[in-house]
Amino acid sequence: MQPTILIVEDEAEIARFIQQLLEKEGFACLHSRDGHDALRQFQTHQPQMIVLDWMLPGIDGLEVCTRIRKTAGTYDPYILMLTAKGEDFDRVIGLSTGADDYLVKPFSPIELVARVRALLRRSLRQAGTPQRYSGAGPAEPQF
């Protein structure tokens, strides 16, 4: 079963690029343009990972992350913050709200795929699944 990734990004061109990149690597992707829809899709689809922008209309990415982490139950997706906010202080805030990883825009597509794979590998090890995600990743320029 291929992992499902929820991409939460309000800029359509960036969202489309990320989705194409991850689908090319074999991941199933969903997309939300704002925080309210992201929370609805999280509840409905329970993705294994969320690629989350900080600056969103409605509820911002920090609040989305906080609400997901406060959700009762055993379901706990990995959250990778992907944002233009790149100061050390911003990174600390993002990680302290519950993000598992943090990547700053502009980003390297190869690095994004590598970070997604690394986080999902961790979940497979914890579940005792020997499955691996492989591939060199795309050789595309930074976005």
Protein backbone atom coordinates (compact mmCIF):
# COMPACT_ATOMS: atom_id res chain seq x y z
CA MET A 1 0.00 0.00 0.00
CA GLN A 2 1.44 3.34 -1.00
CA PRO A 3 1.64 6.06 1.67
CA THR A 4 -0.75 8.99 1.38
CA ILE A 5 0.64 12.50 1.74
CA LEU A 6 -1.50 15.58 2.36
CA ILE A 7 0.05 18.68 0.79
CA VAL A 8 -1.17 21.85 2.49
CA GLU A 9 -0.10 24.75 0.29
CA ASP A 10 -2.08 27.82 -0.79
CA GLU A 11 0.07 28.63 -3.85
CA ALA A 12 -1.35 26.46 -6.64
CA GLU A 13 1.84 26.29 -8.70
CA ILE A 14 3.97 25.14 -5.76
CA ALA A 15 1.30 22.62 -4.67
CA ARG A 16 1.07 21.19 -8.18
CA PHE A 17 4.87 20.92 -8.40
CA ILE A 18 5.12 19.10 -5.04
CA GLN A 19 2.24 16.79 -5.93
CA GLN A 20 3.76 15.85 -9.29
CA LEU A 21 7.15 15.32 -7.65
CA LEU A 22 5.80 13.02 -4.94
CA GLU A 23 3.40 11.12 -7.22
CA LYS A 24 6.32 10.46 -9.57
CA GLU A 25 8.02 8.82 -6.58
CA GLY A 26 5.01 6.55 -5.99
CA PHE A 27 3.17 8.41 -3.24
CA ALA A 28 -0.58 9.07 -3.27
CA CYS A 29 -1.22 12.79 -2.71
CA LEU A 30 -4.08 14.95 -1.54
CA HIS A 31 -4.10 18.75 -1.57
CA SER A 32 -5.54 21.46 0.67
CA ARG A 33 -5.28 25.20 0.08
CA ASP A 34 -6.14 26.38 3.60
CA GLY A 35 -5.97 25.28 7.22
CA HIS A 36 -9.67 24.51 7.62
CA ASP A 37 -9.70 22.14 4.65
CA ALA A 38 -6.43 20.57 5.82
CA LEU A 39 -8.02 19.63 9.15
CA ARG A 40 -11.07 18.18 7.37
CA GLN A 41 -8.90 16.13 5.01
CA PHE A 42 -6.74 14.95 7.90
CA GLN A 43 -9.84 13.60 9.68
CA THR A 44 -11.31 12.07 6.53
CA HIS A 45 -8.26 10.51 4.88
CA GLN A 46 -5.76 10.05 7.73
CA PRO A 47 -2.62 10.55 5.61
CA GLN A 48 0.67 9.05 6.76
CA MET A 49 2.42 12.39 6.20
CA ILE A 50 1.53 16.05 5.89
CA VAL A 51 3.68 18.56 3.98
CA LEU A 52 2.52 21.77 5.62
CA ASP A 53 3.05 25.43 4.72
CA TRP A 54 3.12 27.87 7.64
CA MET A 55 1.46 30.88 6.00
CA LEU A 56 -2.04 29.76 5.01
CA PRO A 57 -5.38 31.53 4.72
CA GLY A 58 -7.78 30.93 7.60
CA ILE A 59 -5.92 28.78 10.10
CA ASP A 60 -2.15 29.02 9.72
CA GLY A 61 0.14 25.99 9.52
CA LEU A 62 1.29 26.29 13.13
CA GLU A 63 -2.29 26.05 14.37
CA VAL A 64 -3.02 23.15 12.00
CA CYS A 65 0.03 21.32 13.36
CA THR A 66 -0.96 22.03 16.97
CA ARG A 67 -4.55 20.83 16.44
CA ILE A 68 -3.42 17.63 14.73
CA ARG A 69 -1.00 16.87 17.56
CA LYS A 70 -3.76 17.44 20.14
CA THR A 71 -6.13 15.04 18.36
CA ALA A 72 -6.91 12.11 20.61
CA GLY A 73 -6.20 8.63 19.35
CA THR A 74 -3.36 6.54 18.13
CA TYR A 75 -3.17 8.01 14.63
CA ASP A 76 -0.17 10.37 14.41
CA PRO A 77 1.12 11.40 10.94
CA TYR A 78 4.54 12.82 10.27
CA ILE A 79 4.47 16.56 9.62
CA LEU A 80 7.07 18.27 7.46
CA MET A 81 6.83 22.07 7.57
CA LEU A 82 7.69 23.51 4.15
CA THR A 83 7.74 27.28 4.41
CA ALA A 84 9.47 30.50 3.42
CA LYS A 85 10.01 31.32 7.10
CA GLY A 86 13.65 30.34 7.47
CA GLU A 87 15.06 32.12 10.51
CA ASP A 88 16.39 29.92 13.32
CA PHE A 89 13.64 31.22 15.60
CA ASP A 90 10.97 30.22 13.03
CA ARG A 91 12.42 26.71 12.79
CA VAL A 92 12.36 26.34 16.57
CA ILE A 93 8.73 27.48 16.71
CA GLY A 94 7.71 25.11 13.90
CA LEU A 95 9.41 22.12 15.49
CA SER A 96 8.12 22.98 18.96
CA THR A 97 4.50 22.99 17.75
CA GLY A 98 4.86 19.37 16.69
CA ALA A 99 6.48 19.31 13.24
CA ASP A 100 8.82 16.36 12.72
CA ASP A 101 10.98 18.15 10.16
CA TYR A 102 11.35 21.63 8.68
CA LEU A 103 12.39 22.63 5.16
CA VAL A 104 12.72 26.21 3.90
CA LYS A 105 11.57 27.53 0.52
CA PRO A 106 13.10 27.71 -1.98
CA PHE A 107 13.77 24.01 -1.60
CA SER A 108 15.61 21.33 -3.48
CA PRO A 109 13.20 18.74 -4.91
CA ILE A 110 15.76 16.01 -4.24
CA GLU A 111 16.01 17.05 -0.59
CA LEU A 112 12.22 17.16 -0.19
CA VAL A 113 11.87 13.61 -1.52
CA ALA A 114 14.76 12.44 0.69
CA ARG A 115 13.18 13.94 3.81
CA VAL A 116 9.77 12.43 3.00
CA ARG A 117 11.35 9.02 2.47
CA ALA A 118 13.39 9.28 5.67
CA LEU A 119 10.34 10.10 7.78
CA LEU A 120 8.23 7.37 6.20
CA ARG A 121 11.06 4.83 6.63
CA ARG A 122 10.98 5.61 10.33
CA SER A 123 7.26 4.82 10.50
CA LEU A 124 7.76 1.54 8.63
CA ARG A 125 10.52 0.49 11.04
CA GLN A 126 8.29 1.28 14.02
CA ALA A 127 5.51 -0.79 12.47
CA GLY A 128 7.92 -3.67 11.83
CA THR A 129 7.41 -3.45 8.06
CA PRO A 130 10.52 -4.35 6.05
CA GLN A 131 9.34 -2.33 3.03
CA ARG A 132 11.72 0.35 1.75
CA TYR A 133 11.30 3.38 -0.44
CA SER A 134 14.07 3.61 -2.99
CA GLY A 135 15.07 5.68 -5.95
CA ALA A 136 17.54 8.42 -6.62
CA GLY A 137 14.85 11.08 -6.79
CA PRO A 138 14.42 13.74 -9.43
CA ALA A 139 17.33 15.79 -10.71
CA GLU A 140 15.36 19.00 -11.03
CA PRO A 141 16.38 22.57 -10.14
CA GLN A 142 15.34 24.27 -6.94
CA PHE A 143 11.80 25.58 -6.89
